């Protein structure tokens, strides 16, 4: 049985800078209308990133079968080689020679708050990649991508009968209330963090209970406070996996989704798949960069057992 997971989302370079202070000490609340601040960032690193690539990395390292539906630019050759070397299928990852690869410029403070500037580049044309050619698949996810690609891939998943998670992430502001309601209605599940959950509710006029009744599950991540599983039966809290040291939050949400998708593709319940996602998020935050953490199945099983009293395999 195929357990292929189709991942619509960005493939991007992350330039990560660390500010050895706190944004709140330098941003004056009564001056935000004329904001003009500069942060000295003595530490800088360029990493491989992008939601789709990050999710695929975690899913593949667990033993899953990710297929990335995305685009890169003329500067993306090294990235394509990296993805292929990891054993991830690149047949639906298209290089556009007249565009730059999507790029995120991320500044993180000592409280793990982030200020991000993002250039979409080739991602804006990701609708040139069709999900139809990547079928069959067990699952799909529509994560932040070009708006046209998110709409198209959601429609293609729905028409092909592929259950998918709608994970709008940073792309949420691109959609109005009616578009978001239509995407929720087409999806098998919705995944957001707590900030995005509030924005989603505000834009759609729906609360978490109402959204949960439209889908099989609404997953809301809460960082160090764990996550919530909303269904038509109510809300279940999922405890966070303990972290030894929080090094870098970049890509933690994507690691969580990689674990979640792997668990669902293997037939786990939502609660157990979310617990696995929490373990992956904990492993990721202990490492700099979105795709540098080592995923050892035996160690994952041990951490899972310590956190939740069960083993995922």
Protein backbone atom coordinates (compact mmCIF):
# COMPACT_ATOMS: atom_id res chain seq x y z
CA UNK A 1 0.00 0.00 0.00
CA UNK A 2 1.35 3.41 -0.95
CA UNK A 3 1.97 5.76 1.98
CA UNK A 4 3.04 8.66 -0.20
CA UNK A 5 2.40 12.09 1.27
CA UNK A 6 2.07 15.03 -1.12
CA UNK A 7 3.48 18.24 0.35
CA UNK A 8 2.48 21.54 -1.22
CA UNK A 9 4.58 24.36 0.20
CA UNK A 10 7.67 26.49 -0.05
CA UNK A 11 11.26 25.47 -0.66
CA UNK A 12 13.36 28.37 0.57
CA UNK A 13 16.69 29.54 1.91
CA UNK A 14 16.67 30.81 5.51
CA UNK A 15 19.15 33.48 6.53
CA UNK A 16 19.02 33.30 10.32
CA UNK A 17 20.39 36.07 12.51
CA UNK A 18 20.45 36.10 16.30
CA UNK A 19 19.96 39.33 18.24
CA UNK A 20 21.52 39.10 21.70
CA UNK A 21 18.72 41.03 23.37
CA UNK A 22 14.95 41.38 23.45
CA UNK A 23 12.86 43.10 20.78
CA UNK A 24 10.51 44.43 23.46
CA UNK A 25 13.33 46.54 24.91
CA UNK A 26 13.88 48.34 21.61
CA UNK A 27 10.38 48.72 20.15
CA UNK A 28 8.43 51.54 21.77
CA UNK A 29 4.70 50.83 21.86
CA UNK A 30 3.77 54.48 21.32
CA UNK A 31 6.13 54.79 18.32
CA UNK A 32 5.17 51.77 16.23
CA UNK A 33 3.56 54.07 13.63
CA UNK A 34 7.04 55.43 12.87
CA UNK A 35 9.10 52.30 13.50
CA UNK A 36 12.79 52.65 12.66
CA UNK A 37 14.95 50.14 14.52
CA UNK A 38 18.16 48.25 13.80
CA UNK A 39 19.32 45.10 15.57
CA UNK A 40 22.99 44.12 15.75
CA UNK A 41 23.15 40.40 14.93
CA UNK A 42 26.67 39.04 15.52
CA UNK A 43 25.60 35.50 14.60
CA UNK A 44 24.42 34.69 11.08
CA UNK A 45 23.88 31.43 9.24
CA UNK A 46 22.28 30.48 5.94
CA UNK A 47 20.22 27.32 6.09
CA UNK A 48 18.04 25.18 3.86
CA UNK A 49 14.39 25.87 4.73
CA UNK A 50 10.89 26.38 3.43
CA UNK A 51 7.81 24.67 4.86
CA UNK A 52 7.53 21.89 2.28
CA UNK A 53 11.21 21.00 2.37
CA UNK A 54 11.30 21.09 6.17
CA UNK A 55 8.24 18.87 6.49
CA UNK A 56 9.62 16.49 3.87
CA UNK A 57 12.98 16.29 5.67
CA UNK A 58 11.35 15.20 8.93
CA UNK A 59 8.95 12.82 7.21
CA UNK A 60 11.71 11.19 5.17
CA UNK A 61 14.06 10.81 8.13
CA UNK A 62 11.28 8.97 9.98
CA UNK A 63 10.96 6.58 7.05
CA UNK A 64 8.05 8.21 5.22
CA UNK A 65 7.50 8.85 1.51
CA UNK A 66 7.21 12.62 0.91
CA UNK A 67 6.61 14.11 -2.54
CA UNK A 68 7.29 17.86 -2.68
CA UNK A 69 5.07 20.02 -4.91
CA UNK A 70 7.07 23.23 -5.22
CA UNK A 71 9.35 25.47 -7.28
CA UNK A 72 12.88 26.83 -6.85
CA UNK A 73 14.76 29.49 -8.78
CA UNK A 74 17.97 29.64 -10.80
CA UNK A 75 19.94 29.64 -7.53
CA UNK A 76 18.29 26.44 -6.31
CA UNK A 77 20.56 23.85 -7.93
CA UNK A 78 22.39 22.98 -4.71
CA UNK A 79 19.07 22.66 -2.91
CA UNK A 80 17.70 20.25 -5.52
CA UNK A 81 20.85 18.15 -5.18
CA UNK A 82 20.49 18.12 -1.39
CA UNK A 83 16.86 17.02 -1.52
CA UNK A 84 17.66 14.27 -4.00
CA UNK A 85 20.62 13.10 -1.87
CA UNK A 86 18.24 12.70 1.07
CA UNK A 87 16.21 10.28 -1.04
CA UNK A 88 13.25 12.63 -1.42
CA UNK A 89 11.40 12.46 -4.73
CA UNK A 90 12.16 15.65 -6.73
CA UNK A 91 10.14 14.78 -9.83
CA UNK A 92 7.52 17.41 -8.92
CA UNK A 93 9.97 20.08 -7.77
CA UNK A 94 10.42 22.46 -10.70
CA UNK A 95 13.33 24.87 -11.26
CA UNK A 96 12.45 28.25 -12.81
CA UNK A 97 15.50 29.94 -14.29
CA UNK A 98 14.05 33.46 -14.37
CA UNK A 99 13.33 33.60 -10.62
CA UNK A 100 15.18 33.52 -7.32
CA UNK A 101 14.42 30.72 -4.89
CA UNK A 102 12.15 31.91 -2.07
CA UNK A 103 14.20 33.47 0.72
CA UNK A 104 13.43 34.16 4.39
CA UNK A 105 15.47 36.59 6.45
CA UNK A 106 14.87 35.69 10.10
CA UNK A 107 16.01 37.65 13.15
CA UNK A 108 15.51 35.86 16.49
CA UNK A 109 15.87 37.43 19.94
CA UNK A 110 16.77 35.78 23.24
CA UNK A 111 13.10 35.04 23.98
CA UNK A 112 12.79 33.16 20.66
CA UNK A 113 10.61 35.92 19.19
CA UNK A 114 11.16 36.31 15.47
CA UNK A 115 10.98 39.11 12.90
CA UNK A 116 10.87 37.71 9.38
CA UNK A 117 11.12 39.27 5.91
CA UNK A 118 10.22 36.91 3.07
CA UNK A 119 10.81 37.13 -0.69
CA UNK A 120 8.57 34.59 -2.48
CA UNK A 121 10.44 34.43 -5.79
CA UNK A 122 9.76 31.17 -7.63
CA UNK A 123 7.21 30.17 -4.99
CA UNK A 124 4.72 32.61 -6.52
CA UNK A 125 4.61 30.37 -9.60
CA UNK A 126 4.26 27.05 -7.77
CA UNK A 127 0.83 26.59 -9.37
CA UNK A 128 2.78 25.46 -12.45
CA UNK A 129 3.26 22.19 -10.53
CA UNK A 130 0.17 19.98 -10.59
CA UNK A 131 -0.66 17.57 -7.78
CA UNK A 132 -2.53 15.35 -10.24
CA UNK A 133 0.69 13.97 -11.71
CA UNK A 134 1.94 12.87 -8.29
CA UNK A 135 -0.97 10.55 -7.50
CA UNK A 136 -1.74 8.13 -5.92
CA UNK A 137 -1.15 9.28 -2.36
CA UNK A 138 -2.29 8.44 1.15
CA UNK A 139 -2.30 12.01 2.42
CA UNK A 140 -1.60 15.58 1.40
CA UNK A 141 -0.86 18.85 3.09
CA UNK A 142 -1.35 22.38 1.78
CA UNK A 143 1.21 24.45 3.65
CA UNK A 144 2.40 28.03 2.90
CA UNK A 145 3.05 28.34 -0.83
CA UNK A 146 2.03 30.71 -3.60
CA UNK A 147 -1.66 31.56 -3.17
CA UNK A 148 -2.64 30.15 -6.55
CA UNK A 149 -0.75 26.94 -5.78
CA UNK A 150 -2.46 26.53 -2.40
CA UNK A 151 -5.89 26.95 -3.97
CA UNK A 152 -5.05 24.67 -6.90
CA UNK A 153 -3.48 21.88 -4.85
CA UNK A 154 -6.34 21.91 -2.36
CA UNK A 155 -8.78 21.56 -5.25
CA UNK A 156 -6.74 18.77 -6.85
CA UNK A 157 -6.49 16.87 -3.56
CA UNK A 158 -10.23 17.18 -3.01
CA UNK A 159 -11.10 16.10 -6.55
CA UNK A 160 -8.76 13.09 -6.31
CA UNK A 161 -10.17 12.04 -2.95
CA UNK A 162 -6.84 12.57 -1.16
CA UNK A 163 -7.47 13.59 2.46
CA UNK A 164 -5.37 16.64 3.23
CA UNK A 165 -4.41 18.99 6.03
CA UNK A 166 -4.90 22.70 5.40
CA UNK A 167 -1.95 24.37 7.11
CA UNK A 168 -2.05 28.05 6.03
CA UNK A 169 0.74 29.25 8.33
CA UNK A 170 2.33 32.51 7.24
CA UNK A 171 0.21 32.39 4.09
CA UNK A 172 -3.01 32.92 6.02
CA UNK A 173 -3.18 36.72 5.47
CA UNK A 174 -3.42 36.14 1.70
CA UNK A 175 -6.94 34.72 2.01
CA UNK A 176 -10.23 36.39 2.85
CA UNK A 177 -12.92 34.83 5.02
CA UNK A 178 -14.87 33.15 2.22
CA UNK A 179 -11.71 31.63 0.70
CA UNK A 180 -10.64 30.28 4.10
CA UNK A 181 -14.05 28.77 4.77
CA UNK A 182 -13.97 27.04 1.38
CA UNK A 183 -10.49 25.64 2.07
CA UNK A 184 -11.54 24.41 5.50
CA UNK A 185 -14.63 22.78 3.98
CA UNK A 186 -12.50 20.94 1.42
CA UNK A 187 -9.88 19.79 3.92
CA UNK A 188 -9.72 16.66 6.05
CA UNK A 189 -8.11 18.66 8.88
CA UNK A 190 -6.71 22.09 9.74
CA UNK A 191 -3.39 22.76 11.46
CA UNK A 192 -2.40 26.17 12.88
CA UNK A 193 -0.49 27.65 15.80
CA UNK A 194 -2.33 29.60 18.49
CA UNK A 195 -1.76 32.99 16.85
CA UNK A 196 -2.92 31.68 13.47
CA UNK A 197 -5.94 30.05 15.12
CA UNK A 198 -7.09 33.44 16.38
CA UNK A 199 -6.56 35.02 12.97
CA UNK A 200 -8.40 32.16 11.28
CA UNK A 201 -11.34 32.58 13.64
CA UNK A 202 -11.39 36.35 13.15
CA UNK A 203 -11.34 36.11 9.35
CA UNK A 204 -13.90 33.33 8.99
CA UNK A 205 -16.23 34.36 11.79
CA UNK A 206 -15.96 30.78 13.11
CA UNK A 207 -14.65 29.68 16.48
CA UNK A 208 -12.58 26.56 17.12
CA UNK A 209 -15.66 24.49 17.93
CA UNK A 210 -17.33 25.44 14.65
CA UNK A 211 -14.19 24.75 12.60
CA UNK A 212 -13.74 21.37 14.29
CA UNK A 213 -17.25 20.37 13.23
CA UNK A 214 -16.33 21.02 9.56
CA UNK A 215 -13.29 18.70 9.59
CA UNK A 216 -12.07 15.53 11.26
CA UNK A 217 -9.62 17.47 13.39
CA UNK A 218 -8.37 20.97 14.15
CA UNK A 219 -4.78 20.89 15.44
CA UNK A 220 -3.58 23.96 17.33
CA UNK A 221 0.06 24.08 18.44
CA UNK A 222 0.95 26.11 21.53
CA UNK A 223 4.74 25.97 21.59
CA UNK A 224 6.08 24.99 25.02
CA UNK A 225 2.48 24.55 26.23
CA UNK A 226 1.93 21.59 23.89
CA UNK A 227 -0.97 21.39 21.45
CA UNK A 228 -4.73 20.98 21.27
CA UNK A 229 -6.80 18.48 19.34
CA UNK A 230 -10.23 19.89 18.51
CA UNK A 231 -12.88 17.51 17.17
CA UNK A 232 -16.66 17.47 17.11
CA UNK A 233 -16.43 15.86 20.57
CA UNK A 234 -14.49 18.74 22.12
CA UNK A 235 -10.90 19.72 22.87
CA UNK A 236 -8.11 17.41 24.10
CA UNK A 237 -4.82 18.82 25.40
CA UNK A 238 -1.59 17.16 24.25
CA UNK A 239 1.38 17.82 26.54
CA UNK A 240 4.62 19.08 25.05
CA UNK A 241 7.67 16.84 24.92
CA UNK A 242 10.37 18.07 27.31
CA UNK A 243 13.21 20.05 25.72
CA UNK A 244 16.76 19.89 27.10
CA UNK A 245 17.77 23.27 25.64
CA UNK A 246 15.90 25.61 23.29
CA UNK A 247 18.51 26.52 20.66
CA UNK A 248 16.52 27.63 17.61
CA UNK A 249 12.73 27.61 17.03
CA UNK A 250 13.05 27.90 13.24
CA UNK A 251 11.28 24.95 11.62
CA UNK A 252 9.77 23.53 14.83
CA UNK A 253 6.25 23.73 13.47
CA UNK A 254 7.34 21.96 10.30
CA UNK A 255 9.05 19.21 12.31
CA UNK A 256 5.81 18.79 14.27
CA UNK A 257 3.88 18.45 11.01
CA UNK A 258 6.38 15.94 9.66
CA UNK A 259 5.78 13.75 12.70
CA UNK A 260 2.04 14.30 12.52
CA UNK A 261 1.87 13.29 8.85
CA UNK A 262 4.06 10.24 9.39
CA UNK A 263 1.86 9.07 12.22
CA UNK A 264 -1.35 9.59 10.27
CA UNK A 265 0.08 7.84 7.19
CA UNK A 266 0.93 4.86 9.40
CA UNK A 267 -2.62 4.70 10.74
CA UNK A 268 -2.07 6.31 14.16
CA UNK A 269 -4.88 8.16 15.90
CA UNK A 270 -4.80 11.95 15.87
CA UNK A 271 -3.69 12.04 19.49
CA UNK A 272 -0.81 9.62 18.99
CA UNK A 273 0.29 11.32 15.76
CA UNK A 274 0.30 14.68 17.55
CA UNK A 275 2.43 13.23 20.33
CA UNK A 276 4.94 12.05 17.73
CA UNK A 277 4.85 15.54 16.21
CA UNK A 278 5.65 17.01 19.62
CA UNK A 279 8.69 14.75 19.96
CA UNK A 280 9.96 15.83 16.53
CA UNK A 281 9.44 19.49 17.44
CA UNK A 282 11.47 18.99 20.64
CA UNK A 283 14.31 17.32 18.73
CA UNK A 284 14.35 20.17 16.23
CA UNK A 285 14.39 23.05 18.71
CA UNK A 286 17.55 21.63 20.29
CA UNK A 287 19.44 22.17 17.02
CA UNK A 288 20.31 25.23 14.93
CA UNK A 289 18.57 25.38 11.54
CA UNK A 290 15.47 23.70 10.19
CA UNK A 291 17.09 20.61 8.65
CA UNK A 292 20.21 19.85 10.70
CA UNK A 293 18.75 17.77 13.52
CA UNK A 294 19.43 14.04 13.51
CA UNK A 295 16.34 11.85 13.56
CA UNK A 296 17.15 8.44 15.04
CA UNK A 297 14.08 6.19 15.27
CA UNK A 298 15.34 4.41 18.40
CA UNK A 299 16.00 7.71 20.17
CA UNK A 300 12.65 9.10 19.02
CA UNK A 301 10.93 6.03 20.50
CA UNK A 302 12.75 6.51 23.82
CA UNK A 303 11.82 10.18 24.06
CA UNK A 304 8.25 9.35 23.12
CA UNK A 305 8.09 6.72 25.86
CA UNK A 306 9.54 9.13 28.43
CA UNK A 307 7.07 11.88 27.50
CA UNK A 308 3.90 9.86 26.93
CA UNK A 309 4.45 6.38 28.36
CA UNK A 310 4.12 4.66 24.97
CA UNK A 311 6.34 3.95 21.98
CA UNK A 312 5.29 4.97 18.45
CA UNK A 313 6.72 1.78 16.90
